[in-house]
Amino acid sequence: MDLTHSKLRHVLYVCVHNAGRSQMAEAFTNAIAARRGLAVRGLSAGTEAGERVNPMAVQVMEEIGLSLEGQSPKQLTQEMADRSSRIVTMGCGVDATSCPARMHLSEDWGLDDPAGKPIEKVREIRDQIHRRVEGLLSEIAADQGKRP
């Protein structure tokens, strides 16, 4: 699939540090969209980008065959928001003053932050993100006239 296609939709996942939830959502979106043949690209960013991706997020994604290797937290820019057809915030439990939902028209998934959580909880968060991304891509597939 040519990802430069004019009908390509960008889904931007935003959280505060762009170190866990939004990184997992980006990876799920890109893998599932590729498997389904959807013209969708996942991107992620943070309102206060962290220094590195949460190692627990990396580990739980590797457990299911998705790599976050080479990923690093990215600072949210207006350009990223402008080119996105959907903006999804991941939950604002970290710092309400930095909550991306306060800055952009978006939907918020209200997910727990995996930072400092035990591996079992990080797996639960990963699985919640997976289900949400599957649902979002099914909705987009229906809009594109494809089978979910």
C-alpha atoms as a PDB file:
ATOM      1  CA  MET A   1       0.000   0.000   0.000  1.00  0.00           C
ATOM      2  CA  ASP A   2       1.272   3.456  -0.882  1.00  0.00           C
ATOM      3  CA  LEU A   3       1.193   5.436   2.367  1.00  0.00           C
ATOM      4  CA  THR A   4       1.464   8.722   0.486  1.00  0.00           C
ATOM      5  CA  HIS A   5      -1.989   8.131  -0.990  1.00  0.00           C
ATOM      6  CA  SER A   6      -4.162  11.232  -0.769  1.00  0.00           C
ATOM      7  CA  LYS A   7      -6.828   9.394   1.224  1.00  0.00           C
ATOM      8  CA  LEU A   8      -4.374   8.379   3.918  1.00  0.00           C
ATOM      9  CA  ARG A   9      -5.791   9.090   7.347  1.00  0.00           C
ATOM     10  CA  HIS A  10      -3.545   9.954  10.248  1.00  0.00           C
ATOM     11  CA  VAL A  11      -4.587   9.000  13.757  1.00  0.00           C
ATOM     12  CA  LEU A  12      -2.579  10.928  16.328  1.00  0.00           C
ATOM     13  CA  TYR A  13      -2.322   9.447  19.821  1.00  0.00           C
ATOM     14  CA  VAL A  14      -1.360  11.999  22.435  1.00  0.00           C
ATOM     15  CA  CYS A  15      -0.434  11.680  26.076  1.00  0.00           C
ATOM     16  CA  VAL A  16       1.760  13.719  28.338  1.00  0.00           C
ATOM     17  CA  HIS A  17       5.138  11.968  27.978  1.00  0.00           C
ATOM     18  CA  ASN A  18       4.638   9.872  24.804  1.00  0.00           C
ATOM     19  CA  ALA A  19       6.475   7.060  26.550  1.00  0.00           C
ATOM     20  CA  GLY A  20       3.908   4.276  26.954  1.00  0.00           C
ATOM     21  CA  ARG A  21       0.228   4.331  26.009  1.00  0.00           C
ATOM     22  CA  SER A  22       0.487   6.488  22.913  1.00  0.00           C
ATOM     23  CA  GLN A  23       3.548   4.566  21.681  1.00  0.00           C
ATOM     24  CA  MET A  24       1.647   1.271  22.029  1.00  0.00           C
ATOM     25  CA  ALA A  25      -1.393   2.717  20.241  1.00  0.00           C
ATOM     26  CA  GLU A  26       0.784   3.938  17.357  1.00  0.00           C
ATOM     27  CA  ALA A  27       2.376   0.493  16.967  1.00  0.00           C
ATOM     28  CA  PHE A  28      -0.989  -1.307  17.100  1.00  0.00           C
ATOM     29  CA  THR A  29      -2.514   1.102  14.578  1.00  0.00           C
ATOM     30  CA  ASN A  30       0.275   0.691  12.052  1.00  0.00           C
ATOM     31  CA  ALA A  31       0.393  -3.111  12.369  1.00  0.00           C
ATOM     32  CA  ILE A  32      -3.376  -3.644  12.229  1.00  0.00           C
ATOM     33  CA  ALA A  33      -3.916  -1.114   9.418  1.00  0.00           C
ATOM     34  CA  ALA A  34      -1.201  -2.804   7.344  1.00  0.00           C
ATOM     35  CA  ARG A  35      -2.738  -6.233   7.968  1.00  0.00           C
ATOM     36  CA  ARG A  36      -6.215  -4.961   6.970  1.00  0.00           C
ATOM     37  CA  GLY A  37      -4.981  -2.956   3.981  1.00  0.00           C
ATOM     38  CA  LEU A  38      -6.286   0.308   5.411  1.00  0.00           C
ATOM     39  CA  ALA A  39      -4.934   3.695   4.352  1.00  0.00           C
ATOM     40  CA  VAL A  40      -4.295   4.664   7.968  1.00  0.00           C
ATOM     41  CA  ARG A  41      -1.114   5.691   9.711  1.00  0.00           C
ATOM     42  CA  GLY A  42      -0.727   5.946  13.454  1.00  0.00           C
ATOM     43  CA  LEU A  43       1.441   8.656  14.968  1.00  0.00           C
ATOM     44  CA  SER A  44       2.077   9.567  18.585  1.00  0.00           C
ATOM     45  CA  ALA A  45       3.337  12.559  20.546  1.00  0.00           C
ATOM     46  CA  GLY A  46       3.388  14.088  23.984  1.00  0.00           C
ATOM     47  CA  THR A  47       2.622  17.498  25.430  1.00  0.00           C
ATOM     48  CA  GLU A  48       5.781  17.151  27.542  1.00  0.00           C
ATOM     49  CA  ALA A  49       7.720  14.459  25.690  1.00  0.00           C
ATOM     50  CA  GLY A  50       9.764  12.219  27.950  1.00  0.00           C
ATOM     51  CA  GLU A  51      13.346  11.126  27.490  1.00  0.00           C
ATOM     52  CA  ARG A  52      12.705   7.511  26.453  1.00  0.00           C
ATOM     53  CA  VAL A  53       9.990   4.959  25.830  1.00  0.00           C
ATOM     54  CA  ASN A  54       8.932   3.108  28.981  1.00  0.00           C
ATOM     55  CA  PRO A  55      10.931  -0.170  29.051  1.00  0.00           C
ATOM     56  CA  MET A  56       7.858  -2.030  30.388  1.00  0.00           C
ATOM     57  CA  ALA A  57       5.847  -0.840  27.372  1.00  0.00           C
ATOM     58  CA  VAL A  58       8.626  -2.103  25.103  1.00  0.00           C
ATOM     59  CA  GLN A  59       8.633  -5.470  26.898  1.00  0.00           C
ATOM     60  CA  VAL A  60       4.869  -6.075  26.805  1.00  0.00           C
ATOM     61  CA  MET A  61       4.716  -5.173  23.116  1.00  0.00           C
ATOM     62  CA  GLU A  62       7.608  -7.521  22.317  1.00  0.00           C
ATOM     63  CA  GLU A  63       5.682 -10.289  24.104  1.00  0.00           C
ATOM     64  CA  ILE A  64       3.040 -10.088  21.372  1.00  0.00           C
ATOM     65  CA  GLY A  65       5.448  -9.604  18.479  1.00  0.00           C
ATOM     66  CA  LEU A  66       5.335  -5.822  18.057  1.00  0.00           C
ATOM     67  CA  SER A  67       8.565  -3.895  18.382  1.00  0.00           C
ATOM     68  CA  LEU A  68       8.952  -0.369  19.690  1.00  0.00           C
ATOM     69  CA  GLU A  69      12.641  -0.449  18.767  1.00  0.00           C
ATOM     70  CA  GLY A  70      13.804   2.842  17.339  1.00  0.00           C
ATOM     71  CA  GLN A  71      10.878   4.722  18.840  1.00  0.00           C
ATOM     72  CA  SER A  72      11.438   7.748  21.021  1.00  0.00           C
ATOM     73  CA  PRO A  73       9.093  10.260  22.613  1.00  0.00           C
ATOM     74  CA  LYS A  74       8.128  13.096  20.285  1.00  0.00           C
ATOM     75  CA  GLN A  75       6.924  16.570  21.220  1.00  0.00           C
ATOM     76  CA  LEU A  76       3.412  17.386  20.001  1.00  0.00           C
ATOM     77  CA  THR A  77       3.357  20.067  17.326  1.00  0.00           C
ATOM     78  CA  GLN A  78       0.508  21.985  15.747  1.00  0.00           C
ATOM     79  CA  GLU A  79       1.498  20.504  12.370  1.00  0.00           C
ATOM     80  CA  MET A  80       0.970  16.968  13.740  1.00  0.00           C
ATOM     81  CA  ALA A  81      -2.471  17.928  15.001  1.00  0.00           C
ATOM     82  CA  ASP A  82      -3.401  19.717  11.767  1.00  0.00           C
ATOM     83  CA  ARG A  83      -2.598  16.751   9.503  1.00  0.00           C
ATOM     84  CA  SER A  84      -4.475  14.249  11.688  1.00  0.00           C
ATOM     85  CA  SER A  85      -7.991  13.154  10.888  1.00  0.00           C
ATOM     86  CA  ARG A  86      -8.419  11.821  14.440  1.00  0.00           C
ATOM     87  CA  ILE A  87      -6.743  12.818  17.680  1.00  0.00           C
ATOM     88  CA  VAL A  88      -7.024  10.416  20.589  1.00  0.00           C
ATOM     89  CA  THR A  89      -5.754  11.331  24.032  1.00  0.00           C
ATOM     90  CA  MET A  90      -4.856   8.445  26.259  1.00  0.00           C
ATOM     91  CA  GLY A  91      -5.949   9.727  29.682  1.00  0.00           C
ATOM     92  CA  CYS A  92      -4.749  12.551  31.857  1.00  0.00           C
ATOM     93  CA  GLY A  93      -3.908  10.854  35.133  1.00  0.00           C
ATOM     94  CA  VAL A  94      -0.298  12.050  35.078  1.00  0.00           C
ATOM     95  CA  ASP A  95      -0.653  15.813  35.179  1.00  0.00           C
ATOM     96  CA  ALA A  96      -3.997  17.445  34.529  1.00  0.00           C
ATOM     97  CA  THR A  97      -2.362  20.778  33.658  1.00  0.00           C
ATOM     98  CA  SER A  98      -0.531  19.063  30.779  1.00  0.00           C
ATOM     99  CA  CYS A  99      -3.571  17.130  29.622  1.00  0.00           C
ATOM    100  CA  PRO A 100      -3.578  17.094  25.817  1.00  0.00           C
ATOM    101  CA  ALA A 101      -7.385  16.959  25.758  1.00  0.00           C
ATOM    102  CA  ARG A 102      -7.349  20.524  27.085  1.00  0.00           C
ATOM    103  CA  MET A 103      -5.393  21.657  24.014  1.00  0.00           C
ATOM    104  CA  HIS A 104      -7.020  19.845  21.086  1.00  0.00           C
ATOM    105  CA  LEU A 105     -10.464  18.691  20.068  1.00  0.00           C
ATOM    106  CA  SER A 106     -10.136  14.980  20.646  1.00  0.00           C
ATOM    107  CA  GLU A 107     -11.600  11.881  22.159  1.00  0.00           C
ATOM    108  CA  ASP A 108     -10.070  10.659  25.391  1.00  0.00           C
ATOM    109  CA  TRP A 109      -9.678   6.955  26.153  1.00  0.00           C
ATOM    110  CA  GLY A 110      -9.063   7.510  29.869  1.00  0.00           C
ATOM    111  CA  LEU A 111      -6.387   4.829  30.193  1.00  0.00           C
ATOM    112  CA  ASP A 112      -4.157   4.385  33.212  1.00  0.00           C
ATOM    113  CA  ASP A 113      -0.562   5.510  32.817  1.00  0.00           C
ATOM    114  CA  PRO A 114       1.732   2.434  32.818  1.00  0.00           C
ATOM    115  CA  ALA A 115       4.619   4.364  34.428  1.00  0.00           C
ATOM    116  CA  GLY A 116       5.657   2.655  37.642  1.00  0.00           C
ATOM    117  CA  LYS A 117       3.029  -0.075  37.342  1.00  0.00           C
ATOM    118  CA  PRO A 118       3.773  -3.805  37.691  1.00  0.00           C
ATOM    119  CA  ILE A 119       4.117  -5.792  34.457  1.00  0.00           C
ATOM    120  CA  GLU A 120       0.667  -7.396  34.879  1.00  0.00           C
ATOM    121  CA  LYS A 121      -0.989  -3.956  34.923  1.00  0.00           C
ATOM    122  CA  VAL A 122       1.053  -2.806  31.904  1.00  0.00           C
ATOM    123  CA  ARG A 123      -0.191  -5.895  30.028  1.00  0.00           C
ATOM    124  CA  GLU A 124      -3.791  -4.979  30.938  1.00  0.00           C
ATOM    125  CA  ILE A 125      -3.265  -1.451  29.628  1.00  0.00           C
ATOM    126  CA  ARG A 126      -1.679  -2.855  26.434  1.00  0.00           C
ATOM    127  CA  ASP A 127      -4.695  -5.126  25.901  1.00  0.00           C
ATOM    128  CA  GLN A 128      -7.128  -2.240  26.490  1.00  0.00           C
ATOM    129  CA  ILE A 129      -5.257  -0.182  23.891  1.00  0.00           C
ATOM    130  CA  HIS A 130      -5.338  -3.107  21.454  1.00  0.00           C
ATOM    131  CA  ARG A 131      -9.125  -3.444  21.784  1.00  0.00           C
ATOM    132  CA  ARG A 132      -9.644   0.305  21.387  1.00  0.00           C
ATOM    133  CA  VAL A 133      -7.420   0.484  18.292  1.00  0.00           C
ATOM    134  CA  GLU A 134      -9.215  -2.520  16.739  1.00  0.00           C
ATOM    135  CA  GLY A 135     -12.547  -0.732  17.261  1.00  0.00           C
ATOM    136  CA  LEU A 136     -11.284   2.575  15.903  1.00  0.00           C
ATOM    137  CA  LEU A 137      -9.855   0.914  12.800  1.00  0.00           C
ATOM    138  CA  SER A 138     -13.101  -1.003  12.235  1.00  0.00           C
ATOM    139  CA  GLU A 139     -14.918   2.330  12.295  1.00  0.00           C
ATOM    140  CA  ILE A 140     -12.422   3.851   9.844  1.00  0.00           C
ATOM    141  CA  ALA A 141     -12.631   0.747   7.615  1.00  0.00           C
ATOM    142  CA  ALA A 142     -16.402   1.124   7.447  1.00  0.00           C
ATOM    143  CA  ASP A 143     -15.929   4.785   6.433  1.00  0.00           C
ATOM    144  CA  GLN A 144     -13.479   3.675   3.721  1.00  0.00           C
ATOM    145  CA  GLY A 145     -15.924   1.033   2.478  1.00  0.00           C
ATOM    146  CA  LYS A 146     -13.706  -1.886   3.529  1.00  0.00           C
ATOM    147  CA  ARG A 147     -14.500  -4.910   5.603  1.00  0.00           C
ATOM    148  CA  PRO A 148     -13.466  -4.542   9.244  1.00  0.00           C
END
